[in-house]
Amino acid sequence: MLLDILTCLKKIPTFTEVPEPALTILAECAKKKSFGKNCLIISEGDAAGPLFIILSGKVRVYLDSESGKSVTLSIQRSGSYFGELSLLDDKPRSASIVTVEPTICAVIPKKAFVAWLVNNPEDAALGVMRGLTRRIRSLTDNVRGLALSDVYTRLSKALHHLAVVQNDELVIVEKISHQELANQVGSSREMVSKIMKDLTLGGYLSLQGKVIHILKPLPAGW
């Protein structure tokens, strides 16, 4: 379990600059916790709390509107994580998390994280600061993309980011709705659906079962 936790911690932008020996100490603070299907792990507005690393299973990240409509932001699977921002501030949770299937998480308490920073100031604290700096630069680039790119360009980049190579083909195996894509690129579901339909009619995409196949390079513009 320790190796799985350490591997996931290395993926979290906050910890990418932390040396592995120091990160291993943090990984050793984790405790395993099991959740049944349809279990609400975090509710939007909850007080800040621990970091969760998914060892097995699947969770849904979502928001509820004032009208009662639920919007799915993402589906997180084994090897992913959530709740990392709460380690750094005391702000309420920004989204709700519910299990889609029985799920096992490694949980790193906020107090353990703070103690780790205090006890490892040079490697841990400095590494976290460098990781946050890299994250800020990345977010700045994302904002620039939202401001200067059109919806199609952002959607095209999102599709390529989700795609993996299987049997010499680019495919998106992760089931993702048009609403989830719209949330990612800052657009309406209707616009995303129209673009996806046109790309399919143009022979650029095909849907086989739940898998999206990118059949040829997507056009530069739409």
C-alpha atoms as a PDB file:
ATOM      1  CA  MET A   1       0.000   0.000   0.000  1.00  0.00           C
ATOM      2  CA  LEU A   2       2.867   2.367   0.802  1.00  0.00           C
ATOM      3  CA  LEU A   3       4.174   2.172  -2.778  1.00  0.00           C
ATOM      4  CA  ASP A   4       0.696   2.954  -4.200  1.00  0.00           C
ATOM      5  CA  ILE A   5       0.350   5.969  -1.904  1.00  0.00           C
ATOM      6  CA  LEU A   6       3.821   7.251  -2.747  1.00  0.00           C
ATOM      7  CA  THR A   7       3.162   6.874  -6.481  1.00  0.00           C
ATOM      8  CA  CYS A   8      -0.038   8.894  -6.188  1.00  0.00           C
ATOM      9  CA  LEU A   9       1.545  11.601  -4.025  1.00  0.00           C
ATOM     10  CA  LYS A  10       4.123  12.155  -6.750  1.00  0.00           C
ATOM     11  CA  LYS A  11       1.275  12.970  -9.163  1.00  0.00           C
ATOM     12  CA  ILE A  12      -0.181  15.712  -6.965  1.00  0.00           C
ATOM     13  CA  PRO A  13       1.095  19.127  -8.154  1.00  0.00           C
ATOM     14  CA  THR A  14       1.635  20.274  -4.550  1.00  0.00           C
ATOM     15  CA  PHE A  15       4.165  17.476  -3.957  1.00  0.00           C
ATOM     16  CA  THR A  16       5.957  17.145  -7.319  1.00  0.00           C
ATOM     17  CA  GLU A  17       8.991  19.055  -6.019  1.00  0.00           C
ATOM     18  CA  VAL A  18       9.264  17.222  -2.678  1.00  0.00           C
ATOM     19  CA  PRO A  19      12.212  14.770  -2.491  1.00  0.00           C
ATOM     20  CA  GLU A  20      11.152  11.118  -2.311  1.00  0.00           C
ATOM     21  CA  PRO A  21      12.595  10.411   1.190  1.00  0.00           C
ATOM     22  CA  ALA A  22      10.500  13.254   2.659  1.00  0.00           C
ATOM     23  CA  LEU A  23       7.452  12.189   0.649  1.00  0.00           C
ATOM     24  CA  THR A  24       7.809   8.641   1.957  1.00  0.00           C
ATOM     25  CA  ILE A  25       7.511   9.967   5.509  1.00  0.00           C
ATOM     26  CA  LEU A  26       4.205  11.618   4.561  1.00  0.00           C
ATOM     27  CA  ALA A  27       2.969   8.435   2.865  1.00  0.00           C
ATOM     28  CA  GLU A  28       3.599   6.527   6.102  1.00  0.00           C
ATOM     29  CA  CYS A  29       1.074   8.793   7.867  1.00  0.00           C
ATOM     30  CA  ALA A  30      -1.783   7.423   5.728  1.00  0.00           C
ATOM     31  CA  LYS A  31      -4.515   5.186   7.124  1.00  0.00           C
ATOM     32  CA  LYS A  32      -6.652   2.855   5.035  1.00  0.00           C
ATOM     33  CA  LYS A  33     -10.429   3.417   5.046  1.00  0.00           C
ATOM     34  CA  SER A  34     -13.202   1.535   3.217  1.00  0.00           C
ATOM     35  CA  PHE A  35     -16.456   2.982   1.865  1.00  0.00           C
ATOM     36  CA  GLY A  36     -19.512   1.204   0.501  1.00  0.00           C
ATOM     37  CA  LYS A  37     -21.286   2.029  -2.753  1.00  0.00           C
ATOM     38  CA  ASN A  38     -23.211   5.356  -2.821  1.00  0.00           C
ATOM     39  CA  CYS A  39     -21.408   6.534   0.313  1.00  0.00           C
ATOM     40  CA  LEU A  40     -21.078  10.322   0.643  1.00  0.00           C
ATOM     41  CA  ILE A  41     -17.429  10.888   1.599  1.00  0.00           C
ATOM     42  CA  ILE A  42     -17.406  14.691   1.383  1.00  0.00           C
ATOM     43  CA  SER A  43     -20.285  17.150   1.177  1.00  0.00           C
ATOM     44  CA  GLU A  44     -19.753  20.566  -0.394  1.00  0.00           C
ATOM     45  CA  GLY A  45     -19.317  23.088   2.418  1.00  0.00           C
ATOM     46  CA  ASP A  46     -17.832  20.594   4.890  1.00  0.00           C
ATOM     47  CA  ALA A  47     -14.960  21.812   7.039  1.00  0.00           C
ATOM     48  CA  ALA A  48     -11.426  21.316   5.713  1.00  0.00           C
ATOM     49  CA  GLY A  49     -10.096  17.828   6.335  1.00  0.00           C
ATOM     50  CA  PRO A  50      -7.778  15.095   5.108  1.00  0.00           C
ATOM     51  CA  LEU A  51      -6.340  14.147   1.736  1.00  0.00           C
ATOM     52  CA  PHE A  52      -7.865  11.014   0.152  1.00  0.00           C
ATOM     53  CA  ILE A  53      -5.953   8.706  -2.200  1.00  0.00           C
ATOM     54  CA  ILE A  54      -8.053   6.137  -4.060  1.00  0.00           C
ATOM     55  CA  LEU A  55      -6.480   2.675  -3.794  1.00  0.00           C
ATOM     56  CA  SER A  56      -9.404   0.884  -5.449  1.00  0.00           C
ATOM     57  CA  GLY A  57     -12.929   1.739  -6.557  1.00  0.00           C
ATOM     58  CA  LYS A  58     -14.464   4.840  -8.112  1.00  0.00           C
ATOM     59  CA  VAL A  59     -15.941   8.145  -6.892  1.00  0.00           C
ATOM     60  CA  ARG A  60     -17.972  10.949  -8.463  1.00  0.00           C
ATOM     61  CA  VAL A  61     -17.092  14.606  -7.899  1.00  0.00           C
ATOM     62  CA  TYR A  62     -20.142  16.847  -8.253  1.00  0.00           C
ATOM     63  CA  LEU A  63     -21.835  20.131  -7.410  1.00  0.00           C
ATOM     64  CA  ASP A  64     -25.477  20.792  -6.518  1.00  0.00           C
ATOM     65  CA  SER A  65     -27.117  23.967  -7.850  1.00  0.00           C
ATOM     66  CA  GLU A  66     -29.669  26.007  -5.922  1.00  0.00           C
ATOM     67  CA  SER A  67     -32.373  24.502  -8.124  1.00  0.00           C
ATOM     68  CA  GLY A  68     -31.360  21.026  -6.979  1.00  0.00           C
ATOM     69  CA  LYS A  69     -29.635  19.999 -10.204  1.00  0.00           C
ATOM     70  CA  SER A  70     -26.489  17.909  -9.783  1.00  0.00           C
ATOM     71  CA  VAL A  71     -23.545  18.525 -12.137  1.00  0.00           C
ATOM     72  CA  THR A  72     -20.782  15.921 -12.347  1.00  0.00           C
ATOM     73  CA  LEU A  73     -17.333  17.495 -12.503  1.00  0.00           C
ATOM     74  CA  SER A  74     -15.328  14.294 -12.849  1.00  0.00           C
ATOM     75  CA  ILE A  75     -15.096  10.591 -12.123  1.00  0.00           C
ATOM     76  CA  GLN A  76     -12.033   9.629 -10.078  1.00  0.00           C
ATOM     77  CA  ARG A  77     -10.593   6.112 -10.133  1.00  0.00           C
ATOM     78  CA  SER A  78      -7.835   4.080  -8.515  1.00  0.00           C
ATOM     79  CA  GLY A  79      -4.583   6.040  -8.440  1.00  0.00           C
ATOM     80  CA  SER A  80      -6.333   9.401  -8.236  1.00  0.00           C
ATOM     81  CA  TYR A  81      -6.866  11.703  -5.244  1.00  0.00           C
ATOM     82  CA  PHE A  82      -9.082  14.428  -3.835  1.00  0.00           C
ATOM     83  CA  GLY A  83      -9.112  16.882  -0.934  1.00  0.00           C
ATOM     84  CA  GLU A  84      -5.520  18.070  -1.363  1.00  0.00           C
ATOM     85  CA  LEU A  85      -6.440  21.774  -1.134  1.00  0.00           C
ATOM     86  CA  SER A  86      -7.810  21.317   2.380  1.00  0.00           C
ATOM     87  CA  LEU A  87      -4.346  20.402   3.583  1.00  0.00           C
ATOM     88  CA  LEU A  88      -3.206  23.950   2.832  1.00  0.00           C
ATOM     89  CA  ASP A  89      -6.086  26.109   4.070  1.00  0.00           C
ATOM     90  CA  ASP A  90      -9.157  26.022   6.293  1.00  0.00           C
ATOM     91  CA  LYS A  91     -11.690  26.837   3.592  1.00  0.00           C
ATOM     92  CA  PRO A  92     -14.821  24.635   3.291  1.00  0.00           C
ATOM     93  CA  ARG A  93     -14.853  21.789   0.799  1.00  0.00           C
ATOM     94  CA  SER A  94     -15.607  23.093  -2.708  1.00  0.00           C
ATOM     95  CA  ALA A  95     -17.395  19.982  -4.067  1.00  0.00           C
ATOM     96  CA  SER A  96     -19.131  16.799  -2.974  1.00  0.00           C
ATOM     97  CA  ILE A  97     -17.668  13.297  -3.357  1.00  0.00           C
ATOM     98  CA  VAL A  98     -19.761  10.123  -3.478  1.00  0.00           C
ATOM     99  CA  THR A  99     -18.655   6.554  -4.204  1.00  0.00           C
ATOM    100  CA  VAL A 100     -19.854   4.961  -7.434  1.00  0.00           C
ATOM    101  CA  GLU A 101     -18.782   1.511  -6.250  1.00  0.00           C
ATOM    102  CA  PRO A 102     -17.151   0.073  -3.103  1.00  0.00           C
ATOM    103  CA  THR A 103     -13.981   2.103  -2.624  1.00  0.00           C
ATOM    104  CA  ILE A 104     -10.842   1.897  -0.497  1.00  0.00           C
ATOM    105  CA  CYS A 105      -8.879   5.068   0.220  1.00  0.00           C
ATOM    106  CA  ALA A 106      -5.650   5.957   1.964  1.00  0.00           C
ATOM    107  CA  VAL A 107      -6.362   8.969   4.172  1.00  0.00           C
ATOM    108  CA  ILE A 108      -3.725  11.471   5.293  1.00  0.00           C
ATOM    109  CA  PRO A 109      -5.063  13.607   8.179  1.00  0.00           C
ATOM    110  CA  LYS A 110      -4.551  17.362   8.084  1.00  0.00           C
ATOM    111  CA  LYS A 111      -2.782  17.321  11.487  1.00  0.00           C
ATOM    112  CA  ALA A 112      -0.314  14.718  10.220  1.00  0.00           C
ATOM    113  CA  PHE A 113       0.400  16.864   7.163  1.00  0.00           C
ATOM    114  CA  VAL A 114       1.042  19.978   9.284  1.00  0.00           C
ATOM    115  CA  ALA A 115       3.336  17.998  11.613  1.00  0.00           C
ATOM    116  CA  TRP A 116       5.209  16.670   8.571  1.00  0.00           C
ATOM    117  CA  LEU A 117       5.797  20.224   7.340  1.00  0.00           C
ATOM    118  CA  VAL A 118       7.022  21.355  10.755  1.00  0.00           C
ATOM    119  CA  ASN A 119       9.341  18.383  11.219  1.00  0.00           C
ATOM    120  CA  ASN A 120      10.752  18.490   7.668  1.00  0.00           C
ATOM    121  CA  PRO A 121      11.037  22.213   6.924  1.00  0.00           C
ATOM    122  CA  GLU A 122      13.821  22.113   4.363  1.00  0.00           C
ATOM    123  CA  ASP A 123      12.671  19.257   2.133  1.00  0.00           C
ATOM    124  CA  ALA A 124       8.922  19.234   2.791  1.00  0.00           C
ATOM    125  CA  ALA A 125       8.061  22.925   3.153  1.00  0.00           C
ATOM    126  CA  LEU A 126      10.400  24.123   0.406  1.00  0.00           C
ATOM    127  CA  GLY A 127       9.245  21.341  -1.903  1.00  0.00           C
ATOM    128  CA  VAL A 128       5.588  22.199  -1.324  1.00  0.00           C
ATOM    129  CA  MET A 129       6.300  25.886  -2.062  1.00  0.00           C
ATOM    130  CA  ARG A 130       8.009  24.979  -5.325  1.00  0.00           C
ATOM    131  CA  GLY A 131       5.145  22.664  -6.249  1.00  0.00           C
ATOM    132  CA  LEU A 132       2.607  25.410  -5.586  1.00  0.00           C
ATOM    133  CA  THR A 133       4.612  27.820  -7.734  1.00  0.00           C
ATOM    134  CA  ARG A 134       4.542  25.334 -10.608  1.00  0.00           C
ATOM    135  CA  ARG A 135       0.797  24.869 -10.101  1.00  0.00           C
ATOM    136  CA  ILE A 136       0.190  28.638 -10.224  1.00  0.00           C
ATOM    137  CA  ARG A 137       2.084  28.863 -13.502  1.00  0.00           C
ATOM    138  CA  SER A 138       0.013  25.993 -14.896  1.00  0.00           C
ATOM    139  CA  LEU A 139      -3.244  27.650 -13.826  1.00  0.00           C
ATOM    140  CA  THR A 140      -2.125  30.893 -15.432  1.00  0.00           C
ATOM    141  CA  ASP A 141      -1.595  29.034 -18.712  1.00  0.00           C
ATOM    142  CA  ASN A 142      -5.068  27.471 -18.366  1.00  0.00           C
ATOM    143  CA  VAL A 143      -6.666  30.875 -17.834  1.00  0.00           C
ATOM    144  CA  ARG A 144      -4.787  32.199 -20.848  1.00  0.00           C
ATOM    145  CA  GLY A 145      -6.174  29.304 -22.892  1.00  0.00           C
ATOM    146  CA  LEU A 146      -9.733  29.980 -21.746  1.00  0.00           C
ATOM    147  CA  ALA A 147      -9.399  33.663 -22.514  1.00  0.00           C
ATOM    148  CA  LEU A 148      -7.664  33.422 -25.886  1.00  0.00           C
ATOM    149  CA  SER A 149      -8.868  30.108 -27.366  1.00  0.00           C
ATOM    150  CA  ASP A 150     -12.281  29.341 -28.802  1.00  0.00           C
ATOM    151  CA  VAL A 151     -14.461  26.472 -27.559  1.00  0.00           C
ATOM    152  CA  TYR A 152     -13.438  24.117 -30.352  1.00  0.00           C
ATOM    153  CA  THR A 153      -9.710  24.594 -29.687  1.00  0.00           C
ATOM    154  CA  ARG A 154     -10.201  23.917 -25.978  1.00  0.00           C
ATOM    155  CA  LEU A 155     -12.356  20.855 -26.694  1.00  0.00           C
ATOM    156  CA  SER A 156      -9.820  19.477 -29.167  1.00  0.00           C
ATOM    157  CA  LYS A 157      -7.058  19.799 -26.562  1.00  0.00           C
ATOM    158  CA  ALA A 158      -9.258  18.151 -23.919  1.00  0.00           C
ATOM    159  CA  LEU A 159     -10.017  15.177 -26.192  1.00  0.00           C
ATOM    160  CA  HIS A 160      -6.329  14.631 -26.940  1.00  0.00           C
ATOM    161  CA  HIS A 161      -5.497  14.918 -23.239  1.00  0.00           C
ATOM    162  CA  LEU A 162      -8.034  12.181 -22.400  1.00  0.00           C
ATOM    163  CA  ALA A 163      -6.943   9.885 -25.244  1.00  0.00           C
ATOM    164  CA  VAL A 164      -4.575   6.936 -24.865  1.00  0.00           C
ATOM    165  CA  VAL A 165      -2.953   4.722 -27.489  1.00  0.00           C
ATOM    166  CA  GLN A 166      -4.419   1.233 -27.854  1.00  0.00           C
ATOM    167  CA  ASN A 167      -3.560  -1.044 -30.774  1.00  0.00           C
ATOM    168  CA  ASP A 168      -2.029   1.926 -32.647  1.00  0.00           C
ATOM    169  CA  GLU A 169      -5.258   3.905 -32.248  1.00  0.00           C
ATOM    170  CA  LEU A 170      -6.098   6.971 -30.199  1.00  0.00           C
ATOM    171  CA  VAL A 171      -9.055   6.114 -27.977  1.00  0.00           C
ATOM    172  CA  ILE A 172     -10.845   7.643 -25.011  1.00  0.00           C
ATOM    173  CA  VAL A 173     -11.758   4.694 -22.816  1.00  0.00           C
ATOM    174  CA  GLU A 174     -12.894   6.762 -19.838  1.00  0.00           C
ATOM    175  CA  LYS A 175     -16.640   7.309 -20.037  1.00  0.00           C
ATOM    176  CA  ILE A 176     -17.224  11.054 -20.081  1.00  0.00           C
ATOM    177  CA  SER A 177     -20.453  12.907 -20.795  1.00  0.00           C
ATOM    178  CA  HIS A 178     -20.859  16.001 -22.956  1.00  0.00           C
ATOM    179  CA  GLN A 179     -21.712  17.899 -19.773  1.00  0.00           C
ATOM    180  CA  GLU A 180     -18.431  16.832 -18.169  1.00  0.00           C
ATOM    181  CA  LEU A 181     -16.524  17.919 -21.280  1.00  0.00           C
ATOM    182  CA  ALA A 182     -18.383  21.232 -21.225  1.00  0.00           C
ATOM    183  CA  ASN A 183     -17.383  21.754 -17.594  1.00  0.00           C
ATOM    184  CA  GLN A 184     -13.749  21.109 -18.480  1.00  0.00           C
ATOM    185  CA  VAL A 185     -13.595  23.550 -21.387  1.00  0.00           C
ATOM    186  CA  GLY A 186     -15.869  26.259 -19.984  1.00  0.00           C
ATOM    187  CA  SER A 187     -18.705  25.900 -22.473  1.00  0.00           C
ATOM    188  CA  SER A 188     -22.332  24.813 -22.686  1.00  0.00           C
ATOM    189  CA  ARG A 189     -23.322  21.169 -23.147  1.00  0.00           C
ATOM    190  CA  GLU A 190     -25.236  22.115 -26.298  1.00  0.00           C
ATOM    191  CA  MET A 191     -22.141  23.601 -27.948  1.00  0.00           C
ATOM    192  CA  VAL A 192     -19.989  20.587 -27.055  1.00  0.00           C
ATOM    193  CA  SER A 193     -22.657  18.201 -28.364  1.00  0.00           C
ATOM    194  CA  LYS A 194     -22.844  20.097 -31.665  1.00  0.00           C
ATOM    195  CA  ILE A 195     -19.075  20.018 -32.144  1.00  0.00           C
ATOM    196  CA  MET A 196     -18.879  16.314 -31.252  1.00  0.00           C
ATOM    197  CA  LYS A 197     -21.677  15.547 -33.716  1.00  0.00           C
ATOM    198  CA  ASP A 198     -19.909  17.437 -36.499  1.00  0.00           C
ATOM    199  CA  LEU A 199     -16.615  15.678 -35.775  1.00  0.00           C
ATOM    200  CA  THR A 200     -18.401  12.322 -35.934  1.00  0.00           C
ATOM    201  CA  LEU A 201     -20.163  13.162 -39.204  1.00  0.00           C
ATOM    202  CA  GLY A 202     -16.836  14.363 -40.601  1.00  0.00           C
ATOM    203  CA  GLY A 203     -15.214  11.011 -39.871  1.00  0.00           C
ATOM    204  CA  TYR A 204     -12.867  12.315 -37.185  1.00  0.00           C
ATOM    205  CA  LEU A 205     -14.518  10.492 -34.270  1.00  0.00           C
ATOM    206  CA  SER A 206     -16.493   7.291 -33.854  1.00  0.00           C
ATOM    207  CA  LEU A 207     -18.265   5.888 -30.818  1.00  0.00           C
ATOM    208  CA  GLN A 208     -17.986   2.120 -30.384  1.00  0.00           C
ATOM    209  CA  GLY A 209     -19.774   1.023 -27.256  1.00  0.00           C
ATOM    210  CA  LYS A 210     -18.558   3.434 -24.580  1.00  0.00           C
ATOM    211  CA  VAL A 211     -15.193   4.069 -26.258  1.00  0.00           C
ATOM    212  CA  ILE A 212     -14.515   7.158 -28.385  1.00  0.00           C
ATOM    213  CA  HIS A 213     -12.085   6.523 -31.257  1.00  0.00           C
ATOM    214  CA  ILE A 214     -10.113   9.425 -32.752  1.00  0.00           C
ATOM    215  CA  LEU A 215      -9.851   8.183 -36.316  1.00  0.00           C
ATOM    216  CA  LYS A 216      -7.645  10.931 -37.760  1.00  0.00           C
ATOM    217  CA  PRO A 217      -6.063  14.233 -36.656  1.00  0.00           C
ATOM    218  CA  LEU A 218      -8.735  16.692 -35.613  1.00  0.00           C
ATOM    219  CA  PRO A 219      -9.047  19.784 -37.845  1.00  0.00           C
ATOM    220  CA  ALA A 220      -7.302  22.997 -36.837  1.00  0.00           C
ATOM    221  CA  GLY A 221     -10.586  24.878 -36.707  1.00  0.00           C
ATOM    222  CA  TRP A 222     -14.352  24.309 -36.645  1.00  0.00           C
END
